[in-house]
Amino acid sequence: MNESTTPPLQATPDGGAEVRLVLRLQWEDVAALGQEAGQLAARLQRPVTLDEAVSHRLRVRPTAAHAKPATPQQTVAPSTVSSLPSRSPGDQARQAIEKITGSA
């Protein structure tokens, strides 16, 4: 990586570091992060942003570098897998919002 593409790293007052990234996520992942942010907010009894929920998740869950070596996973035979119909981005957004708000 060269300097022009490396995201800036910034020290934070609490002794940590901050790297700003842009991630492309599926709506289901955004919904899961929203649920996790809601759980964290309930535990901390204060509002929590999605980036705070992500930071918390990265701190408390083992990363690939620290995880145990992967064991071979069982695979499903292709003949037993049915394809799901694709949904429009609008449908995905609505479903994610309903999942977050619990209005599904």
PDB file of N, CA and C in Angstrom:
ATOM      1  N   MET A   1       0.850  -1.179   0.000  1.00  0.00           N
ATOM      2  CA  MET A   1       0.000   0.000   0.000  1.00  0.00           C
ATOM      3  C   MET A   1       0.890   1.235   0.000  1.00  0.00           C
ATOM      4  N   ASN A   2       0.495   2.213  -0.742  1.00  0.00           N
ATOM      5  CA  ASN A   2       1.253   3.457  -0.715  1.00  0.00           C
ATOM      6  C   ASN A   2       0.506   4.488   0.121  1.00  0.00           C
ATOM      7  N   GLU A   3       1.179   5.563   0.432  1.00  0.00           N
ATOM      8  CA  GLU A   3       0.616   6.575   1.331  1.00  0.00           C
ATOM      9  C   GLU A   3      -0.668   7.200   0.815  1.00  0.00           C
ATOM     10  N   SER A   4      -0.847   7.285  -0.498  1.00  0.00           N
ATOM     11  CA  SER A   4      -2.039   7.952  -1.030  1.00  0.00           C
ATOM     12  C   SER A   4      -3.307   7.136  -0.806  1.00  0.00           C
ATOM     13  N   THR A   5      -3.199   5.816  -0.614  1.00  0.00           N
ATOM     14  CA  THR A   5      -4.391   5.000  -0.401  1.00  0.00           C
ATOM     15  C   THR A   5      -4.549   4.527   1.032  1.00  0.00           C
ATOM     16  N   THR A   6      -3.566   4.769   1.881  1.00  0.00           N
ATOM     17  CA  THR A   6      -3.661   4.349   3.272  1.00  0.00           C
ATOM     18  C   THR A   6      -4.559   5.319   4.032  1.00  0.00           C
ATOM     19  N   PRO A   7      -5.612   4.792   4.704  1.00  0.00           N
ATOM     20  CA  PRO A   7      -6.468   5.707   5.465  1.00  0.00           C
ATOM     21  C   PRO A   7      -5.683   6.340   6.608  1.00  0.00           C
ATOM     22  N   PRO A   8      -5.986   7.600   6.921  1.00  0.00           N
ATOM     23  CA  PRO A   8      -5.264   8.265   8.008  1.00  0.00           C
ATOM     24  C   PRO A   8      -5.573   7.607   9.344  1.00  0.00           C
ATOM     25  N   LEU A   9      -4.549   7.452  10.149  1.00  0.00           N
ATOM     26  CA  LEU A   9      -4.667   6.905  11.485  1.00  0.00           C
ATOM     27  C   LEU A   9      -4.544   8.064  12.465  1.00  0.00           C
ATOM     28  N   GLN A  10      -5.469   8.147  13.407  1.00  0.00           N
ATOM     29  CA  GLN A  10      -5.472   9.267  14.337  1.00  0.00           C
ATOM     30  C   GLN A  10      -5.557   8.739  15.762  1.00  0.00           C
ATOM     31  N   ALA A  11      -4.726   9.264  16.646  1.00  0.00           N
ATOM     32  CA  ALA A  11      -4.768   8.893  18.064  1.00  0.00           C
ATOM     33  C   ALA A  11      -5.975   9.560  18.718  1.00  0.00           C
ATOM     34  N   THR A  12      -6.598   8.852  19.644  1.00  0.00           N
ATOM     35  CA  THR A  12      -7.739   9.404  20.369  1.00  0.00           C
ATOM     36  C   THR A  12      -7.336   9.684  21.810  1.00  0.00           C
ATOM     37  N   PRO A  13      -8.035  10.597  22.491  1.00  0.00           N
ATOM     38  CA  PRO A  13      -7.678  10.971  23.861  1.00  0.00           C
ATOM     39  C   PRO A  13      -7.712   9.797  24.846  1.00  0.00           C
ATOM     40  N   ASP A  14      -8.508   8.766  24.548  1.00  0.00           N
ATOM     41  CA  ASP A  14      -8.607   7.638  25.486  1.00  0.00           C
ATOM     42  C   ASP A  14      -7.482   6.618  25.304  1.00  0.00           C
ATOM     43  N   GLY A  15      -6.498   6.932  24.459  1.00  0.00           N
ATOM     44  CA  GLY A  15      -5.364   6.040  24.256  1.00  0.00           C
ATOM     45  C   GLY A  15      -5.541   5.080  23.102  1.00  0.00           C
ATOM     46  N   GLY A  16      -6.667   5.159  22.418  1.00  0.00           N
ATOM     47  CA  GLY A  16      -6.918   4.294  21.276  1.00  0.00           C
ATOM     48  C   GLY A  16      -6.480   4.948  19.983  1.00  0.00           C
ATOM     49  N   ALA A  17      -6.919   4.386  18.900  1.00  0.00           N
ATOM     50  CA  ALA A  17      -6.626   4.933  17.581  1.00  0.00           C
ATOM     51  C   ALA A  17      -7.892   4.888  16.750  1.00  0.00           C
ATOM     52  N   GLU A  18      -7.960   5.749  15.772  1.00  0.00           N
ATOM     53  CA  GLU A  18      -9.136   5.825  14.914  1.00  0.00           C
ATOM     54  C   GLU A  18      -8.705   5.765  13.457  1.00  0.00           C
ATOM     55  N   VAL A  19      -9.349   4.872  12.714  1.00  0.00           N
ATOM     56  CA  VAL A  19      -9.141   4.770  11.272  1.00  0.00           C
ATOM     57  C   VAL A  19     -10.516   4.891  10.641  1.00  0.00           C
ATOM     58  N   ARG A  20     -10.664   5.796   9.719  1.00  0.00           N
ATOM     59  CA  ARG A  20     -11.958   5.966   9.059  1.00  0.00           C
ATOM     60  C   ARG A  20     -11.986   5.130   7.791  1.00  0.00           C
ATOM     61  N   LEU A  21     -13.055   4.342   7.665  1.00  0.00           N
ATOM     62  CA  LEU A  21     -13.214   3.443   6.527  1.00  0.00           C
ATOM     63  C   LEU A  21     -14.586   3.627   5.913  1.00  0.00           C
ATOM     64  N   VAL A  22     -14.693   3.234   4.681  1.00  0.00           N
ATOM     65  CA  VAL A  22     -15.985   3.164   4.025  1.00  0.00           C
ATOM     66  C   VAL A  22     -16.233   1.695   3.722  1.00  0.00           C
ATOM     67  N   LEU A  23     -17.346   1.171   4.229  1.00  0.00           N
ATOM     68  CA  LEU A  23     -17.693  -0.223   4.031  1.00  0.00           C
ATOM     69  C   LEU A  23     -18.984  -0.327   3.251  1.00  0.00           C
ATOM     70  N   ARG A  24     -19.045  -1.289   2.378  1.00  0.00           N
ATOM     71  CA  ARG A  24     -20.282  -1.589   1.664  1.00  0.00           C
ATOM     72  C   ARG A  24     -20.891  -2.807   2.334  1.00  0.00           C
ATOM     73  N   LEU A  25     -22.080  -2.641   2.917  1.00  0.00           N
ATOM     74  CA  LEU A  25     -22.729  -3.707   3.672  1.00  0.00           C
ATOM     75  C   LEU A  25     -24.068  -4.072   3.061  1.00  0.00           C
ATOM     76  N   GLN A  26     -24.461  -5.303   3.237  1.00  0.00           N
ATOM     77  CA  GLN A  26     -25.806  -5.739   2.866  1.00  0.00           C
ATOM     78  C   GLN A  26     -26.771  -5.180   3.913  1.00  0.00           C
ATOM     79  N   TRP A  27     -28.033  -4.995   3.525  1.00  0.00           N
ATOM     80  CA  TRP A  27     -29.005  -4.432   4.458  1.00  0.00           C
ATOM     81  C   TRP A  27     -29.183  -5.322   5.679  1.00  0.00           C
ATOM     82  N   GLU A  28     -29.064  -6.628   5.500  1.00  0.00           N
ATOM     83  CA  GLU A  28     -29.198  -7.540   6.636  1.00  0.00           C
ATOM     84  C   GLU A  28     -28.102  -7.278   7.668  1.00  0.00           C
ATOM     85  N   ASP A  29     -26.895  -6.955   7.201  1.00  0.00           N
ATOM     86  CA  ASP A  29     -25.796  -6.656   8.114  1.00  0.00           C
ATOM     87  C   ASP A  29     -26.044  -5.343   8.858  1.00  0.00           C
ATOM     88  N   VAL A  30     -26.609  -4.369   8.140  1.00  0.00           N
ATOM     89  CA  VAL A  30     -26.937  -3.091   8.779  1.00  0.00           C
ATOM     90  C   VAL A  30     -28.007  -3.320   9.851  1.00  0.00           C
ATOM     91  N   ALA A  31     -28.981  -4.169   9.535  1.00  0.00           N
ATOM     92  CA  ALA A  31     -30.034  -4.474  10.509  1.00  0.00           C
ATOM     93  C   ALA A  31     -29.449  -5.155  11.742  1.00  0.00           C
ATOM     94  N   ALA A  32     -28.523  -6.095  11.537  1.00  0.00           N
ATOM     95  CA  ALA A  32     -27.893  -6.788  12.662  1.00  0.00           C
ATOM     96  C   ALA A  32     -27.097  -5.811  13.517  1.00  0.00           C
ATOM     97  N   LEU A  33     -26.397  -4.877  12.875  1.00  0.00           N
ATOM     98  CA  LEU A  33     -25.658  -3.860  13.628  1.00  0.00           C
ATOM     99  C   LEU A  33     -26.617  -2.959  14.402  1.00  0.00           C
ATOM    100  N   GLY A  34     -27.738  -2.648  13.796  1.00  0.00           N
ATOM    101  CA  GLY A  34     -28.744  -1.840  14.487  1.00  0.00           C
ATOM    102  C   GLY A  34     -29.276  -2.544  15.723  1.00  0.00           C
ATOM    103  N   GLN A  35     -29.512  -3.847  15.590  1.00  0.00           N
ATOM    104  CA  GLN A  35     -29.976  -4.609  16.750  1.00  0.00           C
ATOM    105  C   GLN A  35     -28.902  -4.643  17.835  1.00  0.00           C
ATOM    106  N   GLU A  36     -27.672  -4.842  17.417  1.00  0.00           N
ATOM    107  CA  GLU A  36     -26.583  -4.858  18.391  1.00  0.00           C
ATOM    108  C   GLU A  36     -26.434  -3.492  19.061  1.00  0.00           C
ATOM    109  N   ALA A  37     -26.596  -2.414  18.284  1.00  0.00           N
ATOM    110  CA  ALA A  37     -26.533  -1.075  18.870  1.00  0.00           C
ATOM    111  C   ALA A  37     -27.657  -0.887  19.884  1.00  0.00           C
ATOM    112  N   GLY A  38     -28.834  -1.405  19.580  1.00  0.00           N
ATOM    113  CA  GLY A  38     -29.950  -1.318  20.515  1.00  0.00           C
ATOM    114  C   GLY A  38     -29.680  -2.061  21.809  1.00  0.00           C
ATOM    115  N   GLN A  39     -29.085  -3.259  21.697  1.00  0.00           N
ATOM    116  CA  GLN A  39     -28.748  -4.037  22.889  1.00  0.00           C
ATOM    117  C   GLN A  39     -27.677  -3.328  23.722  1.00  0.00           C
ATOM    118  N   LEU A  40     -26.678  -2.768  23.037  1.00  0.00           N
ATOM    119  CA  LEU A  40     -25.618  -2.052  23.731  1.00  0.00           C
ATOM    120  C   LEU A  40     -26.182  -0.801  24.416  1.00  0.00           C
ATOM    121  N   ALA A  41     -27.083  -0.109  23.728  1.00  0.00           N
ATOM    122  CA  ALA A  41     -27.703   1.090  24.301  1.00  0.00           C
ATOM    123  C   ALA A  41     -28.506   0.734  25.546  1.00  0.00           C
ATOM    124  N   ALA A  42     -29.206  -0.397  25.502  1.00  0.00           N
ATOM    125  CA  ALA A  42     -29.977  -0.830  26.673  1.00  0.00           C
ATOM    126  C   ALA A  42     -29.046  -1.169  27.827  1.00  0.00           C
ATOM    127  N   ARG A  43     -27.925  -1.811  27.513  1.00  0.00           N
ATOM    128  CA  ARG A  43     -26.970  -2.180  28.559  1.00  0.00           C
ATOM    129  C   ARG A  43     -26.306  -0.948  29.162  1.00  0.00           C
ATOM    130  N   LEU A  44     -25.938   0.023  28.301  1.00  0.00           N
ATOM    131  CA  LEU A  44     -25.253   1.230  28.778  1.00  0.00           C
ATOM    132  C   LEU A  44     -26.236   2.300  29.244  1.00  0.00           C
ATOM    133  N   GLN A  45     -27.513   2.124  28.929  1.00  0.00           N
ATOM    134  CA  GLN A  45     -28.577   3.065  29.253  1.00  0.00           C
ATOM    135  C   GLN A  45     -28.307   4.459  28.715  1.00  0.00           C
ATOM    136  N   ARG A  46     -27.898   4.485  27.433  1.00  0.00           N
ATOM    137  CA  ARG A  46     -27.697   5.745  26.720  1.00  0.00           C
ATOM    138  C   ARG A  46     -27.731   5.458  25.223  1.00  0.00           C
ATOM    139  N   PRO A  47     -27.957   6.478  24.392  1.00  0.00           N
ATOM    140  CA  PRO A  47     -27.950   6.252  22.950  1.00  0.00           C
ATOM    141  C   PRO A  47     -26.572   5.785  22.464  1.00  0.00           C
ATOM    142  N   VAL A  48     -26.573   4.929  21.462  1.00  0.00           N
ATOM    143  CA  VAL A  48     -25.342   4.377  20.897  1.00  0.00           C
ATOM    144  C   VAL A  48     -25.423   4.487  19.375  1.00  0.00           C
ATOM    145  N   THR A  49     -24.352   4.938  18.750  1.00  0.00           N
ATOM    146  CA  THR A  49     -24.306   5.025  17.294  1.00  0.00           C
ATOM    147  C   THR A  49     -23.884   3.680  16.704  1.00  0.00           C
ATOM    148  N   LEU A  50     -24.149   3.502  15.410  1.00  0.00           N
ATOM    149  CA  LEU A  50     -23.735   2.268  14.747  1.00  0.00           C
ATOM    150  C   LEU A  50     -22.218   2.101  14.771  1.00  0.00           C
ATOM    151  N   ASP A  51     -21.477   3.208  14.602  1.00  0.00           N
ATOM    152  CA  ASP A  51     -20.015   3.072  14.617  1.00  0.00           C
ATOM    153  C   ASP A  51     -19.522   2.671  16.009  1.00  0.00           C
ATOM    154  N   GLU A  52     -20.204   3.127  17.054  1.00  0.00           N
ATOM    155  CA  GLU A  52     -19.831   2.704  18.405  1.00  0.00           C
ATOM    156  C   GLU A  52     -20.135   1.218  18.604  1.00  0.00           C
ATOM    157  N   ALA A  53     -21.272   0.764  18.046  1.00  0.00           N
ATOM    158  CA  ALA A  53     -21.624  -0.650  18.143  1.00  0.00           C
ATOM    159  C   ALA A  53     -20.615  -1.513  17.400  1.00  0.00           C
ATOM    160  N   VAL A  54     -20.163  -1.046  16.237  1.00  0.00           N
ATOM    161  CA  VAL A  54     -19.157  -1.790  15.474  1.00  0.00           C
ATOM    162  C   VAL A  54     -17.853  -1.838  16.255  1.00  0.00           C
ATOM    163  N   SER A  55     -17.436  -0.710  16.798  1.00  0.00           N
ATOM    164  CA  SER A  55     -16.202  -0.673  17.585  1.00  0.00           C
ATOM    165  C   SER A  55     -16.285  -1.623  18.772  1.00  0.00           C
ATOM    166  N   HIS A  56     -17.438  -1.622  19.433  1.00  0.00           N
ATOM    167  CA  HIS A  56     -17.624  -2.515  20.578  1.00  0.00           C
ATOM    168  C   HIS A  56     -17.550  -3.972  20.127  1.00  0.00           C
ATOM    169  N   ARG A  57     -18.203  -4.277  19.019  1.00  0.00           N
ATOM    170  CA  ARG A  57     -18.199  -5.648  18.498  1.00  0.00           C
ATOM    171  C   ARG A  57     -16.778  -6.096  18.158  1.00  0.00           C
ATOM    172  N   LEU A  58     -16.003  -5.219  17.569  1.00  0.00           N
ATOM    173  CA  LEU A  58     -14.626  -5.576  17.217  1.00  0.00           C
ATOM    174  C   LEU A  58     -13.770  -5.790  18.460  1.00  0.00           C
ATOM    175  N   ARG A  59     -14.056  -5.070  19.527  1.00  0.00           N
ATOM    176  CA  ARG A  59     -13.271  -5.213  20.761  1.00  0.00           C
ATOM    177  C   ARG A  59     -13.621  -6.492  21.518  1.00  0.00           C
ATOM    178  N   VAL A  60     -14.880  -6.863  21.550  1.00  0.00           N
ATOM    179  CA  VAL A  60     -15.299  -7.984  22.382  1.00  0.00           C
ATOM    180  C   VAL A  60     -15.312  -9.323  21.662  1.00  0.00           C
ATOM    181  N   ARG A  61     -15.318  -9.337  20.364  1.00  0.00           N
ATOM    182  CA  ARG A  61     -15.337 -10.597  19.619  1.00  0.00           C
ATOM    183  C   ARG A  61     -13.966 -10.875  19.050  1.00  0.00           C
ATOM    184  N   PRO A  62     -13.540 -12.131  19.065  1.00  0.00           N
ATOM    185  CA  PRO A  62     -12.215 -12.451  18.511  1.00  0.00           C
ATOM    186  C   PRO A  62     -12.181 -12.193  17.008  1.00  0.00           C
ATOM    187  N   THR A  63     -11.061 -11.677  16.550  1.00  0.00           N
ATOM    188  CA  THR A  63     -10.882 -11.449  15.118  1.00  0.00           C
ATOM    189  C   THR A  63     -10.239 -12.659  14.502  1.00  0.00           C
ATOM    190  N   ALA A  64     -10.172 -12.692  13.206  1.00  0.00           N
ATOM    191  CA  ALA A  64      -9.598 -13.827  12.495  1.00  0.00           C
ATOM    192  C   ALA A  64      -8.153 -14.058  12.912  1.00  0.00           C
ATOM    193  N   ALA A  65      -7.426 -12.988  13.198  1.00  0.00           N
ATOM    194  CA  ALA A  65      -6.022 -13.122  13.571  1.00  0.00           C
ATOM    195  C   ALA A  65      -5.876 -13.772  14.941  1.00  0.00           C
ATOM    196  N   HIS A  66      -6.874 -13.624  15.817  1.00  0.00           N
ATOM    197  CA  HIS A  66      -6.786 -14.168  17.163  1.00  0.00           C
ATOM    198  C   HIS A  66      -7.629 -15.423  17.349  1.00  0.00           C
ATOM    199  N   ALA A  67      -8.410 -15.761  16.359  1.00  0.00           N
ATOM    200  CA  ALA A  67      -9.306 -16.906  16.478  1.00  0.00           C
ATOM    201  C   ALA A  67      -8.541 -18.210  16.332  1.00  0.00           C
ATOM    202  N   LYS A  68      -9.166 -19.277  16.812  1.00  0.00           N
ATOM    203  CA  LYS A  68      -8.574 -20.597  16.653  1.00  0.00           C
ATOM    204  C   LYS A  68      -8.563 -20.943  15.161  1.00  0.00           C
ATOM    205  N   PRO A  69      -7.661 -21.807  14.742  1.00  0.00           N
ATOM    206  CA  PRO A  69      -7.652 -22.206  13.333  1.00  0.00           C
ATOM    207  C   PRO A  69      -9.008 -22.776  12.942  1.00  0.00           C
ATOM    208  N   ALA A  70      -9.410 -22.458  11.749  1.00  0.00           N
ATOM    209  CA  ALA A  70     -10.716 -22.901  11.271  1.00  0.00           C
ATOM    210  C   ALA A  70     -10.732 -24.404  11.085  1.00  0.00           C
ATOM    211  N   THR A  71     -11.860 -24.995  11.461  1.00  0.00           N
ATOM    212  CA  THR A  71     -12.035 -26.421  11.216  1.00  0.00           C
ATOM    213  C   THR A  71     -12.823 -26.562   9.927  1.00  0.00           C
ATOM    214  N   PRO A  72     -12.622 -27.651   9.211  1.00  0.00           N
ATOM    215  CA  PRO A  72     -13.364 -27.812   7.956  1.00  0.00           C
ATOM    216  C   PRO A  72     -14.861 -27.762   8.235  1.00  0.00           C
ATOM    217  N   GLN A  73     -15.566 -26.997   7.432  1.00  0.00           N
ATOM    218  CA  GLN A  73     -17.001 -26.869   7.621  1.00  0.00           C
ATOM    219  C   GLN A  73     -17.729 -27.829   6.696  1.00  0.00           C
ATOM    220  N   GLN A  74     -18.862 -28.287   7.168  1.00  0.00           N
ATOM    221  CA  GLN A  74     -19.666 -29.174   6.361  1.00  0.00           C
ATOM    222  C   GLN A  74     -20.325 -28.366   5.256  1.00  0.00           C
ATOM    223  N   THR A  75     -20.300 -28.879   4.054  1.00  0.00           N
ATOM    224  CA  THR A  75     -20.915 -28.166   2.944  1.00  0.00           C
ATOM    225  C   THR A  75     -22.209 -28.853   2.551  1.00  0.00           C
ATOM    226  N   VAL A  76     -23.114 -28.094   1.998  1.00  0.00           N
ATOM    227  CA  VAL A  76     -24.401 -28.611   1.551  1.00  0.00           C
ATOM    228  C   VAL A  76     -24.286 -28.934   0.072  1.00  0.00           C
ATOM    229  N   ALA A  77     -24.809 -30.054  -0.299  1.00  0.00           N
ATOM    230  CA  ALA A  77     -24.761 -30.444  -1.707  1.00  0.00           C
ATOM    231  C   ALA A  77     -25.525 -29.424  -2.538  1.00  0.00           C
ATOM    232  N   PRO A  78     -24.981 -29.001  -3.685  1.00  0.00           N
ATOM    233  CA  PRO A  78     -25.638 -27.990  -4.502  1.00  0.00           C
ATOM    234  C   PRO A  78     -27.060 -28.366  -4.900  1.00  0.00           C
ATOM    235  N   SER A  79     -27.362 -29.641  -5.029  1.00  0.00           N
ATOM    236  CA  SER A  79     -28.697 -30.035  -5.459  1.00  0.00           C
ATOM    237  C   SER A  79     -29.757 -29.742  -4.405  1.00  0.00           C
ATOM    238  N   THR A  80     -29.354 -29.564  -3.135  1.00  0.00           N
ATOM    239  CA  THR A  80     -30.332 -29.305  -2.092  1.00  0.00           C
ATOM    240  C   THR A  80     -30.514 -27.822  -1.802  1.00  0.00           C
ATOM    241  N   VAL A  81     -29.769 -26.975  -2.480  1.00  0.00           N
ATOM    242  CA  VAL A  81     -29.848 -25.543  -2.244  1.00  0.00           C
ATOM    243  C   VAL A  81     -30.743 -24.916  -3.299  1.00  0.00           C
ATOM    244  N   SER A  82     -31.765 -24.197  -2.839  1.00  0.00           N
ATOM    245  CA  SER A  82     -32.625 -23.502  -3.798  1.00  0.00           C
ATOM    246  C   SER A  82     -32.213 -22.042  -3.846  1.00  0.00           C
ATOM    247  N   SER A  83     -32.321 -21.448  -5.000  1.00  0.00           N
ATOM    248  CA  SER A  83     -31.959 -20.041  -5.114  1.00  0.00           C
ATOM    249  C   SER A  83     -33.116 -19.184  -4.613  1.00  0.00           C
ATOM    250  N   LEU A  84     -32.778 -18.136  -3.927  1.00  0.00           N
ATOM    251  CA  LEU A  84     -33.777 -17.209  -3.421  1.00  0.00           C
ATOM    252  C   LEU A  84     -33.997 -16.111  -4.451  1.00  0.00           C
ATOM    253  N   PRO A  85     -35.222 -15.638  -4.570  1.00  0.00           N
ATOM    254  CA  PRO A  85     -35.451 -14.546  -5.516  1.00  0.00           C
ATOM    255  C   PRO A  85     -34.731 -13.290  -5.039  1.00  0.00           C
ATOM    256  N   SER A  86     -34.161 -12.568  -5.988  1.00  0.00           N
ATOM    257  CA  SER A  86     -33.460 -11.347  -5.606  1.00  0.00           C
ATOM    258  C   SER A  86     -34.475 -10.266  -5.265  1.00  0.00           C
ATOM    259  N   ARG A  87     -34.087  -9.400  -4.337  1.00  0.00           N
ATOM    260  CA  ARG A  87     -34.970  -8.317  -3.927  1.00  0.00           C
ATOM    261  C   ARG A  87     -34.364  -6.992  -4.349  1.00  0.00           C
ATOM    262  N   SER A  88     -35.223  -6.039  -4.542  1.00  0.00           N
ATOM    263  CA  SER A  88     -34.747  -4.710  -4.916  1.00  0.00           C
ATOM    264  C   SER A  88     -34.092  -4.059  -3.699  1.00  0.00           C
ATOM    265  N   PRO A  89     -33.202  -3.100  -3.927  1.00  0.00           N
ATOM    266  CA  PRO A  89     -32.601  -2.388  -2.786  1.00  0.00           C
ATOM    267  C   PRO A  89     -33.648  -1.751  -1.877  1.00  0.00           C
ATOM    268  N   GLY A  90     -34.737  -1.269  -2.462  1.00  0.00           N
ATOM    269  CA  GLY A  90     -35.807  -0.672  -1.657  1.00  0.00           C
ATOM    270  C   GLY A  90     -36.447  -1.688  -0.730  1.00  0.00           C
ATOM    271  N   ASP A  91     -36.686  -2.911  -1.260  1.00  0.00           N
ATOM    272  CA  ASP A  91     -37.247  -3.974  -0.430  1.00  0.00           C
ATOM    273  C   ASP A  91     -36.276  -4.359   0.677  1.00  0.00           C
ATOM    274  N   GLN A  92     -34.990  -4.439   0.340  1.00  0.00           N
ATOM    275  CA  GLN A  92     -33.987  -4.770   1.335  1.00  0.00           C
ATOM    276  C   GLN A  92     -33.947  -3.712   2.433  1.00  0.00           C
ATOM    277  N   ALA A  93     -34.028  -2.441   2.037  1.00  0.00           N
ATOM    278  CA  ALA A  93     -34.002  -1.354   3.016  1.00  0.00           C
ATOM    279  C   ALA A  93     -35.221  -1.423   3.927  1.00  0.00           C
ATOM    280  N   ARG A  94     -36.402  -1.635   3.331  1.00  0.00           N
ATOM    281  CA  ARG A  94     -37.619  -1.724   4.139  1.00  0.00           C
ATOM    282  C   ARG A  94     -37.532  -2.881   5.130  1.00  0.00           C
ATOM    283  N   GLN A  95     -37.047  -4.042   4.652  1.00  0.00           N
ATOM    284  CA  GLN A  95     -36.941  -5.190   5.537  1.00  0.00           C
ATOM    285  C   GLN A  95     -35.941  -4.919   6.669  1.00  0.00           C
ATOM    286  N   ALA A  96     -34.828  -4.272   6.353  1.00  0.00           N
ATOM    287  CA  ALA A  96     -33.844  -3.979   7.378  1.00  0.00           C
ATOM    288  C   ALA A  96     -34.408  -3.009   8.412  1.00  0.00           C
ATOM    289  N   ILE A  97     -35.136  -2.006   7.958  1.00  0.00           N
ATOM    290  CA  ILE A  97     -35.733  -1.030   8.883  1.00  0.00           C
ATOM    291  C   ILE A  97     -36.771  -1.707   9.754  1.00  0.00           C
ATOM    292  N   GLU A  98     -37.584  -2.602   9.151  1.00  0.00           N
ATOM    293  CA  GLU A  98     -38.586  -3.318   9.938  1.00  0.00           C
ATOM    294  C   GLU A  98     -37.920  -4.220  10.964  1.00  0.00           C
ATOM    295  N   LYS A  99     -36.811  -4.832  10.573  1.00  0.00           N
ATOM    296  CA  LYS A  99     -36.094  -5.708  11.499  1.00  0.00           C
ATOM    297  C   LYS A  99     -35.524  -4.912  12.673  1.00  0.00           C
ATOM    298  N   ILE A 100     -34.993  -3.715  12.373  1.00  0.00           N
ATOM    299  CA  ILE A 100     -34.429  -2.865  13.426  1.00  0.00           C
ATOM    300  C   ILE A 100     -35.512  -2.367  14.370  1.00  0.00           C
ATOM    301  N   THR A 101     -36.618  -1.902  13.798  1.00  0.00           N
ATOM    302  CA  THR A 101     -37.669  -1.309  14.623  1.00  0.00           C
ATOM    303  C   THR A 101     -38.609  -2.329  15.226  1.00  0.00           C
ATOM    304  N   GLY A 102     -38.525  -3.582  14.754  1.00  0.00           N
ATOM    305  CA  GLY A 102     -39.391  -4.628  15.285  1.00  0.00           C
ATOM    306  C   GLY A 102     -40.806  -4.546  14.787  1.00  0.00           C
ATOM    307  N   SER A 103     -41.028  -3.843  13.679  1.00  0.00           N
ATOM    308  CA  SER A 103     -42.385  -3.695  13.144  1.00  0.00           C
ATOM    309  C   SER A 103     -42.678  -4.701  12.047  1.00  0.00           C
ATOM    310  N   ALA A 104     -41.864  -5.743  11.925  1.00  0.00           N
ATOM    311  CA  ALA A 104     -42.067  -6.748  10.864  1.00  0.00           C
ATOM    312  C   ALA A 104     -43.243  -7.634  11.181  1.00  0.00           C
TER     313      ALA A 104
END
